[in-house]
């Protein structure tokens, strides 16, 4: 018989993944500073453990007063565990 995708047969791990309903927290994101993609550069905004955001811009790190959450190119999440 032909293999049924997912590897390993049995389906135990695959079945568990299908049932998993995780929650995720936004930890950071990458955004672009500049008038277009041909000029400017990318920076990283990281959520601080004590609250608020920090922006990493090359060797400079500063408080990000108003991070552009809607303008991210790449968003970084961490698992907050399964949903109840």
PDB file of N, CA and C in Angstrom:
ATOM      1  N   UNK A   1       0.828  -1.210   0.000  1.00  0.00           N
ATOM      2  CA  UNK A   1       0.000   0.000   0.000  1.00  0.00           C
ATOM      3  C   UNK A   1       0.856   1.252   0.000  1.00  0.00           C
ATOM      4  N   UNK A   2       0.324   2.311  -0.543  1.00  0.00           N
ATOM      5  CA  UNK A   2       1.031   3.597  -0.600  1.00  0.00           C
ATOM      6  C   UNK A   2       1.060   4.237   0.771  1.00  0.00           C
ATOM      7  N   UNK A   3       2.181   4.930   1.122  1.00  0.00           N
ATOM      8  CA  UNK A   3       2.250   5.600   2.424  1.00  0.00           C
ATOM      9  C   UNK A   3       1.195   6.698   2.514  1.00  0.00           C
ATOM     10  N   UNK A   4       0.719   6.931   3.720  1.00  0.00           N
ATOM     11  CA  UNK A   4      -0.344   7.916   3.918  1.00  0.00           C
ATOM     12  C   UNK A   4       0.188   9.177   4.569  1.00  0.00           C
ATOM     13  N   UNK A   5       1.159   9.858   3.996  1.00  0.00           N
ATOM     14  CA  UNK A   5       1.666  11.144   4.486  1.00  0.00           C
ATOM     15  C   UNK A   5       1.825  11.226   5.984  1.00  0.00           C
ATOM     16  N   UNK A   6       2.670  12.089   6.466  1.00  0.00           N
ATOM     17  CA  UNK A   6       2.864  12.264   7.895  1.00  0.00           C
ATOM     18  C   UNK A   6       3.973  11.397   8.446  1.00  0.00           C
ATOM     19  N   UNK A   7       4.436  10.420   7.708  1.00  0.00           N
ATOM     20  CA  UNK A   7       5.552   9.581   8.142  1.00  0.00           C
ATOM     21  C   UNK A   7       5.284   8.843   9.427  1.00  0.00           C
ATOM     22  N   UNK A   8       5.918   7.728   9.596  1.00  0.00           N
ATOM     23  CA  UNK A   8       5.838   6.978  10.839  1.00  0.00           C
ATOM     24  C   UNK A   8       4.614   6.104  10.982  1.00  0.00           C
ATOM     25  N   UNK A   9       3.649   6.176  10.077  1.00  0.00           N
ATOM     26  CA  UNK A   9       2.467   5.324  10.205  1.00  0.00           C
ATOM     27  C   UNK A   9       1.632   5.717  11.402  1.00  0.00           C
ATOM     28  N   UNK A  10       1.008   4.826  12.065  1.00  0.00           N
ATOM     29  CA  UNK A  10       0.268   4.961  13.309  1.00  0.00           C
ATOM     30  C   UNK A  10      -0.541   6.221  13.527  1.00  0.00           C
ATOM     31  N   UNK A  11      -0.043   7.378  13.188  1.00  0.00           N
ATOM     32  CA  UNK A  11      -0.787   8.611  13.313  1.00  0.00           C
ATOM     33  C   UNK A  11      -0.845   9.203  14.700  1.00  0.00           C
ATOM     34  N   UNK A  12      -0.192   8.596  15.679  1.00  0.00           N
ATOM     35  CA  UNK A  12      -0.255   9.110  17.053  1.00  0.00           C
ATOM     36  C   UNK A  12       0.174  10.553  17.171  1.00  0.00           C
ATOM     37  N   UNK A  13       1.380  10.883  16.722  1.00  0.00           N
ATOM     38  CA  UNK A  13       1.881  12.256  16.827  1.00  0.00           C
ATOM     39  C   UNK A  13       1.091  13.183  15.926  1.00  0.00           C
ATOM     40  N   UNK A  14       0.770  12.725  14.717  1.00  0.00           N
ATOM     41  CA  UNK A  14       0.010  13.569  13.791  1.00  0.00           C
ATOM     42  C   UNK A  14      -1.376  13.851  14.351  1.00  0.00           C
ATOM     43  N   UNK A  15      -2.022  12.848  14.935  1.00  0.00           N
ATOM     44  CA  UNK A  15      -3.349  13.043  15.504  1.00  0.00           C
ATOM     45  C   UNK A  15      -3.287  14.030  16.664  1.00  0.00           C
ATOM     46  N   UNK A  16      -2.247  13.935  17.495  1.00  0.00           N
ATOM     47  CA  UNK A  16      -2.102  14.860  18.620  1.00  0.00           C
ATOM     48  C   UNK A  16      -1.911  16.283  18.121  1.00  0.00           C
ATOM     49  N   UNK A  17      -1.148  16.478  17.039  1.00  0.00           N
ATOM     50  CA  UNK A  17      -0.930  17.820  16.497  1.00  0.00           C
ATOM     51  C   UNK A  17      -2.227  18.392  15.933  1.00  0.00           C
ATOM     52  N   UNK A  18      -3.046  17.573  15.292  1.00  0.00           N
ATOM     53  CA  UNK A  18      -4.305  18.056  14.739  1.00  0.00           C
ATOM     54  C   UNK A  18      -5.231  18.547  15.837  1.00  0.00           C
ATOM     55  N   UNK A  19      -5.179  17.928  17.007  1.00  0.00           N
ATOM     56  CA  UNK A  19      -6.055  18.298  18.120  1.00  0.00           C
ATOM     57  C   UNK A  19      -5.507  19.449  18.945  1.00  0.00           C
ATOM     58  N   UNK A  20      -4.244  19.800  18.772  1.00  0.00           N
ATOM     59  CA  UNK A  20      -3.614  20.841  19.580  1.00  0.00           C
ATOM     60  C   UNK A  20      -4.129  22.213  19.179  1.00  0.00           C
ATOM     61  N   UNK A  21      -4.624  22.967  20.137  1.00  0.00           N
ATOM     62  CA  UNK A  21      -5.103  24.320  19.904  1.00  0.00           C
ATOM     63  C   UNK A  21      -4.301  25.247  20.799  1.00  0.00           C
ATOM     64  N   UNK A  22      -3.180  25.665  20.281  1.00  0.00           N
ATOM     65  CA  UNK A  22      -2.263  26.468  21.076  1.00  0.00           C
ATOM     66  C   UNK A  22      -2.633  27.943  21.127  1.00  0.00           C
ATOM     67  N   UNK A  23      -2.079  28.596  22.111  1.00  0.00           N
ATOM     68  CA  UNK A  23      -2.157  30.046  22.219  1.00  0.00           C
ATOM     69  C   UNK A  23      -0.745  30.568  22.064  1.00  0.00           C
ATOM     70  N   UNK A  24      -0.608  31.720  21.453  1.00  0.00           N
ATOM     71  CA  UNK A  24       0.710  32.271  21.190  1.00  0.00           C
ATOM     72  C   UNK A  24       0.761  33.732  21.588  1.00  0.00           C
ATOM     73  N   UNK A  25       1.925  34.146  22.061  1.00  0.00           N
ATOM     74  CA  UNK A  25       2.169  35.545  22.436  1.00  0.00           C
ATOM     75  C   UNK A  25       3.160  36.147  21.460  1.00  0.00           C
ATOM     76  N   UNK A  26       2.878  37.372  21.034  1.00  0.00           N
ATOM     77  CA  UNK A  26       3.816  38.088  20.184  1.00  0.00           C
ATOM     78  C   UNK A  26       5.013  38.494  21.028  1.00  0.00           C
ATOM     79  N   UNK A  27       6.218  38.119  20.613  1.00  0.00           N
ATOM     80  CA  UNK A  27       7.450  38.447  21.344  1.00  0.00           C
ATOM     81  C   UNK A  27       8.262  39.509  20.620  1.00  0.00           C
ATOM     82  N   UNK A  28       8.116  39.596  19.311  1.00  0.00           N
ATOM     83  CA  UNK A  28       8.882  40.581  18.572  1.00  0.00           C
ATOM     84  C   UNK A  28       8.499  40.583  17.108  1.00  0.00           C
ATOM     85  N   UNK A  29       9.035  41.541  16.383  1.00  0.00           N
ATOM     86  CA  UNK A  29       8.798  41.582  14.958  1.00  0.00           C
ATOM     87  C   UNK A  29       9.890  42.408  14.286  1.00  0.00           C
ATOM     88  N   UNK A  30      10.064  42.174  12.996  1.00  0.00           N
ATOM     89  CA  UNK A  30      11.034  42.891  12.174  1.00  0.00           C
ATOM     90  C   UNK A  30      10.255  43.896  11.327  1.00  0.00           C
ATOM     91  N   UNK A  31      10.731  45.132  11.292  1.00  0.00           N
ATOM     92  CA  UNK A  31      10.107  46.136  10.434  1.00  0.00           C
ATOM     93  C   UNK A  31      11.192  46.868   9.644  1.00  0.00           C
ATOM     94  N   UNK A  32      10.763  47.601   8.651  1.00  0.00           N
ATOM     95  CA  UNK A  32      11.681  48.333   7.775  1.00  0.00           C
ATOM     96  C   UNK A  32      11.589  49.822   8.058  1.00  0.00           C
ATOM     97  N   UNK A  33      12.732  50.488   8.163  1.00  0.00           N
ATOM     98  CA  UNK A  33      12.781  51.934   8.328  1.00  0.00           C
ATOM     99  C   UNK A  33      13.363  52.515   7.046  1.00  0.00           C
ATOM    100  N   UNK A  34      12.625  53.354   6.394  1.00  0.00           N
ATOM    101  CA  UNK A  34      13.071  53.954   5.142  1.00  0.00           C
ATOM    102  C   UNK A  34      11.889  54.208   4.239  1.00  0.00           C
ATOM    103  N   UNK A  35      12.096  54.994   3.213  1.00  0.00           N
ATOM    104  CA  UNK A  35      10.993  55.373   2.330  1.00  0.00           C
ATOM    105  C   UNK A  35      10.571  54.235   1.398  1.00  0.00           C
ATOM    106  N   UNK A  36      11.480  53.300   1.108  1.00  0.00           N
ATOM    107  CA  UNK A  36      11.141  52.132   0.296  1.00  0.00           C
ATOM    108  C   UNK A  36      12.172  51.040   0.553  1.00  0.00           C
ATOM    109  N   UNK A  37      11.975  49.873  -0.049  1.00  0.00           N
ATOM    110  CA  UNK A  37      12.887  48.753   0.210  1.00  0.00           C
ATOM    111  C   UNK A  37      14.266  48.942  -0.408  1.00  0.00           C
ATOM    112  N   UNK A  38      14.419  49.937  -1.275  1.00  0.00           N
ATOM    113  CA  UNK A  38      15.713  50.205  -1.887  1.00  0.00           C
ATOM    114  C   UNK A  38      16.603  51.078  -1.008  1.00  0.00           C
ATOM    115  N   UNK A  39      16.014  51.709  -0.001  1.00  0.00           N
ATOM    116  CA  UNK A  39      16.825  52.506   0.925  1.00  0.00           C
ATOM    117  C   UNK A  39      16.280  52.302   2.339  1.00  0.00           C
ATOM    118  N   UNK A  40      17.118  52.537   3.311  1.00  0.00           N
ATOM    119  CA  UNK A  40      16.738  52.272   4.691  1.00  0.00           C
ATOM    120  C   UNK A  40      17.262  50.916   5.123  1.00  0.00           C
ATOM    121  N   UNK A  41      16.775  50.427   6.235  1.00  0.00           N
ATOM    122  CA  UNK A  41      17.184  49.105   6.699  1.00  0.00           C
ATOM    123  C   UNK A  41      16.148  48.542   7.657  1.00  0.00           C
ATOM    124  N   UNK A  42      16.374  47.302   8.045  1.00  0.00           N
ATOM    125  CA  UNK A  42      15.435  46.588   8.909  1.00  0.00           C
ATOM    126  C   UNK A  42      15.870  46.704  10.359  1.00  0.00           C
ATOM    127  N   UNK A  43      14.882  46.769  11.252  1.00  0.00           N
ATOM    128  CA  UNK A  43      15.135  46.815  12.688  1.00  0.00           C
ATOM    129  C   UNK A  43      14.255  45.771  13.366  1.00  0.00           C
ATOM    130  N   UNK A  44      14.602  45.439  14.584  1.00  0.00           N
ATOM    131  CA  UNK A  44      13.858  44.433  15.338  1.00  0.00           C
ATOM    132  C   UNK A  44      13.251  45.069  16.579  1.00  0.00           C
ATOM    133  N   UNK A  45      11.972  44.845  16.782  1.00  0.00           N
ATOM    134  CA  UNK A  45      11.262  45.315  17.973  1.00  0.00           C
ATOM    135  C   UNK A  45      10.994  44.088  18.848  1.00  0.00           C
ATOM    136  N   UNK A  46      11.412  44.148  20.101  1.00  0.00           N
ATOM    137  CA  UNK A  46      11.247  43.029  21.030  1.00  0.00           C
ATOM    138  C   UNK A  46      10.430  43.500  22.227  1.00  0.00           C
ATOM    139  N   UNK A  47       9.460  42.671  22.630  1.00  0.00           N
ATOM    140  CA  UNK A  47       8.658  42.994  23.808  1.00  0.00           C
ATOM    141  C   UNK A  47       9.501  42.730  25.049  1.00  0.00           C
ATOM    142  N   UNK A  48       9.583  43.732  25.924  1.00  0.00           N
ATOM    143  CA  UNK A  48      10.398  43.615  27.137  1.00  0.00           C
ATOM    144  C   UNK A  48       9.626  42.856  28.223  1.00  0.00           C
ATOM    145  N   UNK A  49      10.312  42.049  29.042  1.00  0.00           N
ATOM    146  CA  UNK A  49       9.639  41.275  30.087  1.00  0.00           C
ATOM    147  C   UNK A  49       8.853  42.150  31.065  1.00  0.00           C
ATOM    148  N   UNK A  50       9.354  43.354  31.329  1.00  0.00           N
ATOM    149  CA  UNK A  50       8.678  44.241  32.273  1.00  0.00           C
ATOM    150  C   UNK A  50       7.592  45.079  31.606  1.00  0.00           C
ATOM    151  N   UNK A  51       7.368  44.860  30.316  1.00  0.00           N
ATOM    152  CA  UNK A  51       6.357  45.600  29.569  1.00  0.00           C
ATOM    153  C   UNK A  51       7.002  46.594  28.621  1.00  0.00           C
ATOM    154  N   UNK A  52       6.263  47.021  27.648  1.00  0.00           N
ATOM    155  CA  UNK A  52       6.789  47.942  26.653  1.00  0.00           C
ATOM    156  C   UNK A  52       7.635  47.221  25.619  1.00  0.00           C
ATOM    157  N   UNK A  53       8.221  48.007  24.723  1.00  0.00           N
ATOM    158  CA  UNK A  53       8.982  47.476  23.607  1.00  0.00           C
ATOM    159  C   UNK A  53      10.352  48.123  23.536  1.00  0.00           C
ATOM    160  N   UNK A  54      11.315  47.376  23.018  1.00  0.00           N
ATOM    161  CA  UNK A  54      12.648  47.900  22.726  1.00  0.00           C
ATOM    162  C   UNK A  54      12.878  47.725  21.233  1.00  0.00           C
ATOM    163  N   UNK A  55      13.592  48.677  20.636  1.00  0.00           N
ATOM    164  CA  UNK A  55      13.922  48.565  19.220  1.00  0.00           C
ATOM    165  C   UNK A  55      15.434  48.400  19.089  1.00  0.00           C
ATOM    166  N   UNK A  56      15.839  47.393  18.330  1.00  0.00           N
ATOM    167  CA  UNK A  56      17.248  47.101  18.083  1.00  0.00           C
ATOM    168  C   UNK A  56      17.568  47.587  16.676  1.00  0.00           C
ATOM    169  N   UNK A  57      18.397  48.614  16.604  1.00  0.00           N
ATOM    170  CA  UNK A  57      18.742  49.269  15.349  1.00  0.00           C
ATOM    171  C   UNK A  57      20.268  49.253  15.251  1.00  0.00           C
ATOM    172  N   UNK A  58      20.800  48.234  14.583  1.00  0.00           N
ATOM    173  CA  UNK A  58      22.248  48.009  14.525  1.00  0.00           C
ATOM    174  C   UNK A  58      22.795  47.916  15.948  1.00  0.00           C
ATOM    175  N   UNK A  59      23.746  48.755  16.326  1.00  0.00           N
ATOM    176  CA  UNK A  59      24.345  48.682  17.667  1.00  0.00           C
ATOM    177  C   UNK A  59      23.556  49.493  18.697  1.00  0.00           C
ATOM    178  N   UNK A  60      22.512  50.191  18.259  1.00  0.00           N
ATOM    179  CA  UNK A  60      21.741  51.034  19.168  1.00  0.00           C
ATOM    180  C   UNK A  60      20.468  50.305  19.623  1.00  0.00           C
ATOM    181  N   UNK A  61      20.199  50.349  20.921  1.00  0.00           N
ATOM    182  CA  UNK A  61      18.974  49.788  21.488  1.00  0.00           C
ATOM    183  C   UNK A  61      18.273  50.918  22.220  1.00  0.00           C
ATOM    184  N   UNK A  62      16.974  51.071  21.953  1.00  0.00           N
ATOM    185  CA  UNK A  62      16.225  52.168  22.570  1.00  0.00           C
ATOM    186  C   UNK A  62      14.810  51.711  22.894  1.00  0.00           C
ATOM    187  N   UNK A  63      14.130  52.487  23.705  1.00  0.00           N
ATOM    188  CA  UNK A  63      12.720  52.234  23.982  1.00  0.00           C
ATOM    189  C   UNK A  63      11.943  52.534  22.709  1.00  0.00           C
ATOM    190  N   UNK A  64      11.042  51.650  22.369  1.00  0.00           N
ATOM    191  CA  UNK A  64      10.172  51.854  21.203  1.00  0.00           C
ATOM    192  C   UNK A  64       8.830  52.335  21.729  1.00  0.00           C
ATOM    193  N   UNK A  65       8.629  53.653  21.698  1.00  0.00           N
ATOM    194  CA  UNK A  65       7.419  54.267  22.259  1.00  0.00           C
ATOM    195  C   UNK A  65       6.145  53.835  21.537  1.00  0.00           C
ATOM    196  N   UNK A  66       6.213  53.735  20.234  1.00  0.00           N
ATOM    197  CA  UNK A  66       5.037  53.400  19.439  1.00  0.00           C
ATOM    198  C   UNK A  66       5.445  52.437  18.322  1.00  0.00           C
ATOM    199  N   UNK A  67       5.652  51.160  18.670  1.00  0.00           N
ATOM    200  CA  UNK A  67       6.126  50.214  17.658  1.00  0.00           C
ATOM    201  C   UNK A  67       5.096  50.051  16.534  1.00  0.00           C
ATOM    202  N   UNK A  68       5.549  50.006  15.283  1.00  0.00           N
ATOM    203  CA  UNK A  68       4.630  49.894  14.141  1.00  0.00           C
ATOM    204  C   UNK A  68       4.140  48.455  13.952  1.00  0.00           C
ATOM    205  N   UNK A  69       3.290  47.993  14.854  1.00  0.00           N
ATOM    206  CA  UNK A  69       2.837  46.598  14.845  1.00  0.00           C
ATOM    207  C   UNK A  69       2.188  46.179  13.526  1.00  0.00           C
ATOM    208  N   UNK A  70       1.559  47.108  12.840  1.00  0.00           N
ATOM    209  CA  UNK A  70       0.878  46.771  11.591  1.00  0.00           C
ATOM    210  C   UNK A  70       1.804  46.802  10.377  1.00  0.00           C
ATOM    211  N   UNK A  71       3.072  47.153  10.572  1.00  0.00           N
ATOM    212  CA  UNK A  71       4.009  47.256   9.449  1.00  0.00           C
ATOM    213  C   UNK A  71       5.139  46.234   9.510  1.00  0.00           C
ATOM    214  N   UNK A  72       4.957  45.159  10.264  1.00  0.00           N
ATOM    215  CA  UNK A  72       5.997  44.152  10.386  1.00  0.00           C
ATOM    216  C   UNK A  72       6.141  43.306   9.129  1.00  0.00           C
ATOM    217  N   UNK A  73       7.371  42.845   8.905  1.00  0.00           N
ATOM    218  CA  UNK A  73       7.648  41.924   7.805  1.00  0.00           C
ATOM    219  C   UNK A  73       7.684  40.494   8.309  1.00  0.00           C
ATOM    220  N   UNK A  74       8.114  40.327   9.545  1.00  0.00           N
ATOM    221  CA  UNK A  74       8.244  39.008  10.150  1.00  0.00           C
ATOM    222  C   UNK A  74       7.860  39.134  11.613  1.00  0.00           C
ATOM    223  N   UNK A  75       6.938  38.300  12.074  1.00  0.00           N
ATOM    224  CA  UNK A  75       6.470  38.344  13.458  1.00  0.00           C
ATOM    225  C   UNK A  75       6.974  37.111  14.192  1.00  0.00           C
ATOM    226  N   UNK A  76       7.433  37.307  15.428  1.00  0.00           N
ATOM    227  CA  UNK A  76       7.996  36.230  16.241  1.00  0.00           C
ATOM    228  C   UNK A  76       7.069  35.943  17.420  1.00  0.00           C
ATOM    229  N   UNK A  77       6.618  34.708  17.532  1.00  0.00           N
ATOM    230  CA  UNK A  77       5.703  34.320  18.587  1.00  0.00           C
ATOM    231  C   UNK A  77       6.322  33.229  19.448  1.00  0.00           C
ATOM    232  N   UNK A  78       5.825  33.119  20.687  1.00  0.00           N
ATOM    233  CA  UNK A  78       6.193  31.988  21.543  1.00  0.00           C
ATOM    234  C   UNK A  78       4.923  31.322  21.997  1.00  0.00           C
ATOM    235  N   UNK A  79       5.026  30.046  22.249  1.00  0.00           N
ATOM    236  CA  UNK A  79       3.864  29.302  22.709  1.00  0.00           C
ATOM    237  C   UNK A  79       3.494  29.710  24.120  1.00  0.00           C
ATOM    238  N   UNK A  80       2.207  29.886  24.345  1.00  0.00           N
ATOM    239  CA  UNK A  80       1.684  30.189  25.682  1.00  0.00           C
ATOM    240  C   UNK A  80       0.972  28.959  26.223  1.00  0.00           C
ATOM    241  N   UNK A  81       1.161  27.821  25.584  1.00  0.00           N
ATOM    242  CA  UNK A  81       0.560  26.583  26.018  1.00  0.00           C
ATOM    243  C   UNK A  81      -0.767  26.320  25.331  1.00  0.00           C
ATOM    244  N   UNK A  82      -1.369  25.186  25.639  1.00  0.00           N
ATOM    245  CA  UNK A  82      -2.627  24.829  24.989  1.00  0.00           C
ATOM    246  C   UNK A  82      -3.796  25.675  25.509  1.00  0.00           C
ATOM    247  N   UNK A  83      -4.770  25.868  24.663  1.00  0.00           N
ATOM    248  CA  UNK A  83      -5.998  26.574  25.065  1.00  0.00           C
ATOM    249  C   UNK A  83      -6.811  25.690  25.982  1.00  0.00           C
ATOM    250  N   UNK A  84      -7.473  26.303  26.889  1.00  0.00           N
ATOM    251  CA  UNK A  84      -8.331  25.530  27.819  1.00  0.00           C
ATOM    252  C   UNK A  84      -9.590  25.090  27.137  1.00  0.00           C
TER     253      UNK A  84
END
